[in-house]
């Protein structure tokens, strides 16, 4: 155990591809995040609107089941 060589070998740098530049991609990522936030907020607002309308119908007693 005393004479074992336990040092890790270095990785070859030529094996890995060069990193991509983030110039074009970051702009589209920003737009995707902004669109996701907007559409998510719109969907939540529509769900809240439907729930409020259903609750108002229940409170007024105008909701009928099965015609």
PDB file of N, CA and C in Angstrom:
ATOM      1  N   UNK A   1       0.809  -1.198   0.000  1.00  0.00           N
ATOM      2  CA  UNK A   1       0.000   0.000   0.000  1.00  0.00           C
ATOM      3  C   UNK A   1       0.853   1.263   0.000  1.00  0.00           C
ATOM      4  N   UNK A   2       1.993   1.172   0.623  1.00  0.00           N
ATOM      5  CA  UNK A   2       2.833   2.345   0.771  1.00  0.00           C
ATOM      6  C   UNK A   2       3.408   2.818  -0.567  1.00  0.00           C
ATOM      7  N   UNK A   3       3.694   1.910  -1.467  1.00  0.00           N
ATOM      8  CA  UNK A   3       4.329   2.266  -2.732  1.00  0.00           C
ATOM      9  C   UNK A   3       3.353   2.345  -3.907  1.00  0.00           C
ATOM     10  N   UNK A   4       2.040   2.265  -3.655  1.00  0.00           N
ATOM     11  CA  UNK A   4       1.059   2.338  -4.739  1.00  0.00           C
ATOM     12  C   UNK A   4       0.976   3.756  -5.292  1.00  0.00           C
ATOM     13  N   UNK A   5       0.842   3.846  -6.597  1.00  0.00           N
ATOM     14  CA  UNK A   5       0.691   5.155  -7.243  1.00  0.00           C
ATOM     15  C   UNK A   5      -0.802   5.428  -7.394  1.00  0.00           C
ATOM     16  N   UNK A   6      -1.377   6.244  -6.529  1.00  0.00           N
ATOM     17  CA  UNK A   6      -2.825   6.479  -6.501  1.00  0.00           C
ATOM     18  C   UNK A   6      -3.220   7.814  -7.125  1.00  0.00           C
ATOM     19  N   UNK A   7      -2.306   8.407  -7.871  1.00  0.00           N
ATOM     20  CA  UNK A   7      -2.643   9.687  -8.494  1.00  0.00           C
ATOM     21  C   UNK A   7      -3.544   9.474  -9.709  1.00  0.00           C
ATOM     22  N   UNK A   8      -4.469  10.381  -9.916  1.00  0.00           N
ATOM     23  CA  UNK A   8      -5.382  10.287 -11.056  1.00  0.00           C
ATOM     24  C   UNK A   8      -4.687  10.760 -12.324  1.00  0.00           C
ATOM     25  N   UNK A   9      -5.014  10.124 -13.430  1.00  0.00           N
ATOM     26  CA  UNK A   9      -4.490  10.546 -14.723  1.00  0.00           C
ATOM     27  C   UNK A   9      -5.255  11.761 -15.208  1.00  0.00           C
ATOM     28  N   UNK A  10      -4.565  12.634 -15.880  1.00  0.00           N
ATOM     29  CA  UNK A  10      -5.228  13.818 -16.444  1.00  0.00           C
ATOM     30  C   UNK A  10      -5.989  13.426 -17.706  1.00  0.00           C
ATOM     31  N   UNK A  11      -7.117  14.094 -17.925  1.00  0.00           N
ATOM     32  CA  UNK A  11      -7.876  13.862 -19.152  1.00  0.00           C
ATOM     33  C   UNK A  11      -7.190  14.574 -20.307  1.00  0.00           C
ATOM     34  N   UNK A  12      -7.316  13.980 -21.474  1.00  0.00           N
ATOM     35  CA  UNK A  12      -6.786  14.622 -22.670  1.00  0.00           C
ATOM     36  C   UNK A  12      -7.744  15.730 -23.098  1.00  0.00           C
ATOM     37  N   UNK A  13      -7.243  16.919 -23.309  1.00  0.00           N
ATOM     38  CA  UNK A  13      -8.094  18.048 -23.666  1.00  0.00           C
ATOM     39  C   UNK A  13      -8.578  17.967 -25.104  1.00  0.00           C
ATOM     40  N   UNK A  14      -7.874  17.233 -25.963  1.00  0.00           N
ATOM     41  CA  UNK A  14      -8.285  17.120 -27.357  1.00  0.00           C
ATOM     42  C   UNK A  14      -9.527  16.256 -27.528  1.00  0.00           C
ATOM     43  N   UNK A  15      -9.857  15.476 -26.525  1.00  0.00           N
ATOM     44  CA  UNK A  15     -10.994  14.572 -26.624  1.00  0.00           C
ATOM     45  C   UNK A  15     -12.322  15.322 -26.596  1.00  0.00           C
ATOM     46  N   UNK A  16     -12.384  16.422 -25.871  1.00  0.00           N
ATOM     47  CA  UNK A  16     -13.633  17.157 -25.700  1.00  0.00           C
ATOM     48  C   UNK A  16     -13.818  18.173 -26.826  1.00  0.00           C
ATOM     49  N   UNK A  17     -15.036  18.314 -27.334  1.00  0.00           N
ATOM     50  CA  UNK A  17     -15.260  19.322 -28.383  1.00  0.00           C
ATOM     51  C   UNK A  17     -15.152  20.728 -27.792  1.00  0.00           C
ATOM     52  N   UNK A  18     -14.822  21.709 -28.594  1.00  0.00           N
ATOM     53  CA  UNK A  18     -14.733  23.080 -28.071  1.00  0.00           C
ATOM     54  C   UNK A  18     -16.111  23.577 -27.656  1.00  0.00           C
ATOM     55  N   UNK A  19     -16.170  24.428 -26.637  1.00  0.00           N
ATOM     56  CA  UNK A  19     -17.474  24.925 -26.183  1.00  0.00           C
ATOM     57  C   UNK A  19     -18.135  25.811 -27.232  1.00  0.00           C
ATOM     58  N   UNK A  20     -19.448  25.777 -27.244  1.00  0.00           N
ATOM     59  CA  UNK A  20     -20.206  26.612 -28.190  1.00  0.00           C
ATOM     60  C   UNK A  20     -20.238  28.049 -27.705  1.00  0.00           C
ATOM     61  N   UNK A  21     -20.367  28.940 -28.639  1.00  0.00           N
ATOM     62  CA  UNK A  21     -20.549  30.335 -28.250  1.00  0.00           C
ATOM     63  C   UNK A  21     -22.022  30.553 -27.941  1.00  0.00           C
ATOM     64  N   UNK A  22     -22.295  31.339 -26.929  1.00  0.00           N
ATOM     65  CA  UNK A  22     -23.665  31.520 -26.467  1.00  0.00           C
ATOM     66  C   UNK A  22     -24.325  32.748 -27.077  1.00  0.00           C
ATOM     67  N   UNK A  23     -23.784  33.297 -28.145  1.00  0.00           N
ATOM     68  CA  UNK A  23     -24.321  34.534 -28.717  1.00  0.00           C
ATOM     69  C   UNK A  23     -25.715  34.391 -29.275  1.00  0.00           C
ATOM     70  N   UNK A  24     -25.924  33.457 -30.194  1.00  0.00           N
ATOM     71  CA  UNK A  24     -27.238  33.308 -30.817  1.00  0.00           C
ATOM     72  C   UNK A  24     -28.217  32.605 -29.887  1.00  0.00           C
ATOM     73  N   UNK A  25     -27.718  31.642 -29.150  1.00  0.00           N
ATOM     74  CA  UNK A  25     -28.611  30.805 -28.361  1.00  0.00           C
ATOM     75  C   UNK A  25     -29.230  31.545 -27.179  1.00  0.00           C
ATOM     76  N   UNK A  26     -28.498  32.456 -26.550  1.00  0.00           N
ATOM     77  CA  UNK A  26     -29.003  33.132 -25.366  1.00  0.00           C
ATOM     78  C   UNK A  26     -30.204  34.015 -25.711  1.00  0.00           C
ATOM     79  N   UNK A  27     -30.215  34.626 -26.887  1.00  0.00           N
ATOM     80  CA  UNK A  27     -31.350  35.460 -27.269  1.00  0.00           C
ATOM     81  C   UNK A  27     -32.605  34.641 -27.424  1.00  0.00           C
ATOM     82  N   UNK A  28     -32.493  33.467 -28.026  1.00  0.00           N
ATOM     83  CA  UNK A  28     -33.680  32.647 -28.203  1.00  0.00           C
ATOM     84  C   UNK A  28     -34.124  32.048 -26.874  1.00  0.00           C
ATOM     85  N   UNK A  29     -33.171  31.769 -25.982  1.00  0.00           N
ATOM     86  CA  UNK A  29     -33.530  31.254 -24.660  1.00  0.00           C
ATOM     87  C   UNK A  29     -34.292  32.305 -23.867  1.00  0.00           C
ATOM     88  N   UNK A  30     -33.878  33.551 -23.981  1.00  0.00           N
ATOM     89  CA  UNK A  30     -34.585  34.638 -23.295  1.00  0.00           C
ATOM     90  C   UNK A  30     -36.011  34.753 -23.823  1.00  0.00           C
ATOM     91  N   UNK A  31     -36.168  34.652 -25.136  1.00  0.00           N
ATOM     92  CA  UNK A  31     -37.505  34.729 -25.718  1.00  0.00           C
ATOM     93  C   UNK A  31     -38.364  33.539 -25.301  1.00  0.00           C
ATOM     94  N   UNK A  32     -37.771  32.359 -25.208  1.00  0.00           N
ATOM     95  CA  UNK A  32     -38.531  31.182 -24.786  1.00  0.00           C
ATOM     96  C   UNK A  32     -38.987  31.312 -23.342  1.00  0.00           C
ATOM     97  N   UNK A  33     -38.121  31.810 -22.482  1.00  0.00           N
ATOM     98  CA  UNK A  33     -38.498  31.996 -21.075  1.00  0.00           C
ATOM     99  C   UNK A  33     -39.591  33.058 -20.957  1.00  0.00           C
ATOM    100  N   UNK A  34     -39.460  34.153 -21.695  1.00  0.00           N
ATOM    101  CA  UNK A  34     -40.465  35.214 -21.646  1.00  0.00           C
ATOM    102  C   UNK A  34     -41.811  34.717 -22.164  1.00  0.00           C
ATOM    103  N   UNK A  35     -41.797  33.951 -23.256  1.00  0.00           N
ATOM    104  CA  UNK A  35     -43.048  33.400 -23.787  1.00  0.00           C
ATOM    105  C   UNK A  35     -43.664  32.400 -22.811  1.00  0.00           C
ATOM    106  N   UNK A  36     -42.834  31.601 -22.156  1.00  0.00           N
ATOM    107  CA  UNK A  36     -43.343  30.642 -21.173  1.00  0.00           C
ATOM    108  C   UNK A  36     -43.982  31.325 -19.981  1.00  0.00           C
ATOM    109  N   UNK A  37     -43.349  32.381 -19.504  1.00  0.00           N
ATOM    110  CA  UNK A  37     -43.919  33.127 -18.376  1.00  0.00           C
ATOM    111  C   UNK A  37     -45.242  33.766 -18.774  1.00  0.00           C
ATOM    112  N   UNK A  38     -45.287  34.359 -19.973  1.00  0.00           N
ATOM    113  CA  UNK A  38     -46.510  35.012 -20.433  1.00  0.00           C
ATOM    114  C   UNK A  38     -47.646  33.997 -20.611  1.00  0.00           C
ATOM    115  N   UNK A  39     -47.360  32.881 -21.301  1.00  0.00           N
ATOM    116  CA  UNK A  39     -48.406  31.885 -21.540  1.00  0.00           C
ATOM    117  C   UNK A  39     -48.831  31.197 -20.246  1.00  0.00           C
ATOM    118  N   UNK A  40     -47.904  31.000 -19.335  1.00  0.00           N
ATOM    119  CA  UNK A  40     -48.261  30.424 -18.046  1.00  0.00           C
ATOM    120  C   UNK A  40     -49.179  31.343 -17.257  1.00  0.00           C
ATOM    121  N   UNK A  41     -48.885  32.627 -17.270  1.00  0.00           N
ATOM    122  CA  UNK A  41     -49.744  33.600 -16.584  1.00  0.00           C
ATOM    123  C   UNK A  41     -51.122  33.685 -17.229  1.00  0.00           C
ATOM    124  N   UNK A  42     -51.157  33.614 -18.550  1.00  0.00           N
ATOM    125  CA  UNK A  42     -52.441  33.639 -19.258  1.00  0.00           C
ATOM    126  C   UNK A  42     -53.281  32.407 -18.919  1.00  0.00           C
ATOM    127  N   UNK A  43     -52.632  31.247 -18.873  1.00  0.00           N
ATOM    128  CA  UNK A  43     -53.350  30.013 -18.538  1.00  0.00           C
ATOM    129  C   UNK A  43     -53.878  30.070 -17.108  1.00  0.00           C
ATOM    130  N   UNK A  44     -53.078  30.564 -16.177  1.00  0.00           N
ATOM    131  CA  UNK A  44     -53.548  30.681 -14.791  1.00  0.00           C
ATOM    132  C   UNK A  44     -54.712  31.657 -14.681  1.00  0.00           C
ATOM    133  N   UNK A  45     -54.657  32.743 -15.446  1.00  0.00           N
ATOM    134  CA  UNK A  45     -55.751  33.711 -15.405  1.00  0.00           C
ATOM    135  C   UNK A  45     -57.038  33.094 -15.957  1.00  0.00           C
ATOM    136  N   UNK A  46     -56.937  32.308 -17.035  1.00  0.00           N
ATOM    137  CA  UNK A  46     -58.130  31.668 -17.588  1.00  0.00           C
ATOM    138  C   UNK A  46     -58.719  30.640 -16.627  1.00  0.00           C
ATOM    139  N   UNK A  47     -57.879  29.896 -15.939  1.00  0.00           N
ATOM    140  CA  UNK A  47     -58.370  28.937 -14.951  1.00  0.00           C
ATOM    141  C   UNK A  47     -59.059  29.668 -13.806  1.00  0.00           C
ATOM    142  N   UNK A  48     -58.483  30.762 -13.364  1.00  0.00           N
ATOM    143  CA  UNK A  48     -59.104  31.543 -12.296  1.00  0.00           C
ATOM    144  C   UNK A  48     -60.444  32.125 -12.750  1.00  0.00           C
ATOM    145  N   UNK A  49     -60.517  32.574 -14.000  1.00  0.00           N
ATOM    146  CA  UNK A  49     -61.768  33.118 -14.526  1.00  0.00           C
ATOM    147  C   UNK A  49     -62.852  32.043 -14.578  1.00  0.00           C
ATOM    148  N   UNK A  50     -62.505  30.855 -15.031  1.00  0.00           N
ATOM    149  CA  UNK A  50     -63.477  29.762 -15.095  1.00  0.00           C
ATOM    150  C   UNK A  50     -63.933  29.344 -13.699  1.00  0.00           C
ATOM    151  N   UNK A  51     -62.994  29.274 -12.757  1.00  0.00           N
ATOM    152  CA  UNK A  51     -63.354  28.890 -11.390  1.00  0.00           C
ATOM    153  C   UNK A  51     -64.254  29.942 -10.750  1.00  0.00           C
ATOM    154  N   UNK A  52     -63.972  31.202 -11.008  1.00  0.00           N
ATOM    155  CA  UNK A  52     -64.808  32.274 -10.457  1.00  0.00           C
ATOM    156  C   UNK A  52     -66.206  32.235 -11.053  1.00  0.00           C
ATOM    157  N   UNK A  53     -66.313  31.989 -12.353  1.00  0.00           N
ATOM    158  CA  UNK A  53     -67.632  31.909 -12.990  1.00  0.00           C
ATOM    159  C   UNK A  53     -68.429  30.723 -12.448  1.00  0.00           C
ATOM    160  N   UNK A  54     -67.775  29.590 -12.273  1.00  0.00           N
ATOM    161  CA  UNK A  54     -68.454  28.417 -11.722  1.00  0.00           C
ATOM    162  C   UNK A  54     -68.903  28.663 -10.289  1.00  0.00           C
ATOM    163  N   UNK A  55     -68.068  29.299  -9.491  1.00  0.00           N
ATOM    164  CA  UNK A  55     -68.421  29.588  -8.103  1.00  0.00           C
ATOM    165  C   UNK A  55     -69.588  30.579  -8.039  1.00  0.00           C
ATOM    166  N   UNK A  56     -69.607  31.575  -8.936  1.00  0.00           N
ATOM    167  CA  UNK A  56     -70.709  32.537  -8.962  1.00  0.00           C
ATOM    168  C   UNK A  56     -72.011  31.835  -9.335  1.00  0.00           C
ATOM    169  N   UNK A  57     -71.954  30.899 -10.284  1.00  0.00           N
ATOM    170  CA  UNK A  57     -73.170  30.163 -10.653  1.00  0.00           C
ATOM    171  C   UNK A  57     -73.662  29.319  -9.487  1.00  0.00           C
ATOM    172  N   UNK A  58     -72.721  28.702  -8.762  1.00  0.00           N
ATOM    173  CA  UNK A  58     -73.122  27.896  -7.607  1.00  0.00           C
ATOM    174  C   UNK A  58     -73.768  28.759  -6.531  1.00  0.00           C
ATOM    175  N   UNK A  59     -73.219  29.931  -6.281  1.00  0.00           N
ATOM    176  CA  UNK A  59     -73.753  30.809  -5.241  1.00  0.00           C
ATOM    177  C   UNK A  59     -75.129  31.361  -5.626  1.00  0.00           C
ATOM    178  N   UNK A  60     -75.325  31.636  -6.918  1.00  0.00           N
ATOM    179  CA  UNK A  60     -76.623  32.183  -7.333  1.00  0.00           C
ATOM    180  C   UNK A  60     -77.660  31.088  -7.534  1.00  0.00           C
ATOM    181  N   UNK A  61     -77.243  29.857  -7.539  1.00  0.00           N
ATOM    182  CA  UNK A  61     -78.187  28.762  -7.688  1.00  0.00           C
ATOM    183  C   UNK A  61     -78.682  28.558  -9.100  1.00  0.00           C
ATOM    184  N   UNK A  62     -77.961  29.048 -10.077  1.00  0.00           N
ATOM    185  CA  UNK A  62     -78.410  28.898 -11.469  1.00  0.00           C
ATOM    186  C   UNK A  62     -77.706  27.752 -12.175  1.00  0.00           C
ATOM    187  N   UNK A  63     -76.918  26.977 -11.454  1.00  0.00           N
ATOM    188  CA  UNK A  63     -76.232  25.840 -12.057  1.00  0.00           C
ATOM    189  C   UNK A  63     -77.159  24.636 -12.050  1.00  0.00           C
ATOM    190  N   UNK A  64     -77.385  24.083 -13.216  1.00  0.00           N
ATOM    191  CA  UNK A  64     -78.268  22.925 -13.308  1.00  0.00           C
ATOM    192  C   UNK A  64     -77.476  21.734 -13.838  1.00  0.00           C
ATOM    193  N   UNK A  65     -77.779  20.564 -13.328  1.00  0.00           N
ATOM    194  CA  UNK A  65     -77.094  19.343 -13.743  1.00  0.00           C
ATOM    195  C   UNK A  65     -78.058  18.511 -14.580  1.00  0.00           C
ATOM    196  N   UNK A  66     -77.681  18.164 -15.784  1.00  0.00           N
ATOM    197  CA  UNK A  66     -78.454  17.245 -16.613  1.00  0.00           C
ATOM    198  C   UNK A  66     -79.719  17.799 -17.199  1.00  0.00           C
ATOM    199  N   UNK A  67     -79.777  19.070 -17.513  1.00  0.00           N
ATOM    200  CA  UNK A  67     -80.872  19.655 -18.276  1.00  0.00           C
ATOM    201  C   UNK A  67     -82.138  19.654 -17.554  1.00  0.00           C
TER     202      UNK A  67
END
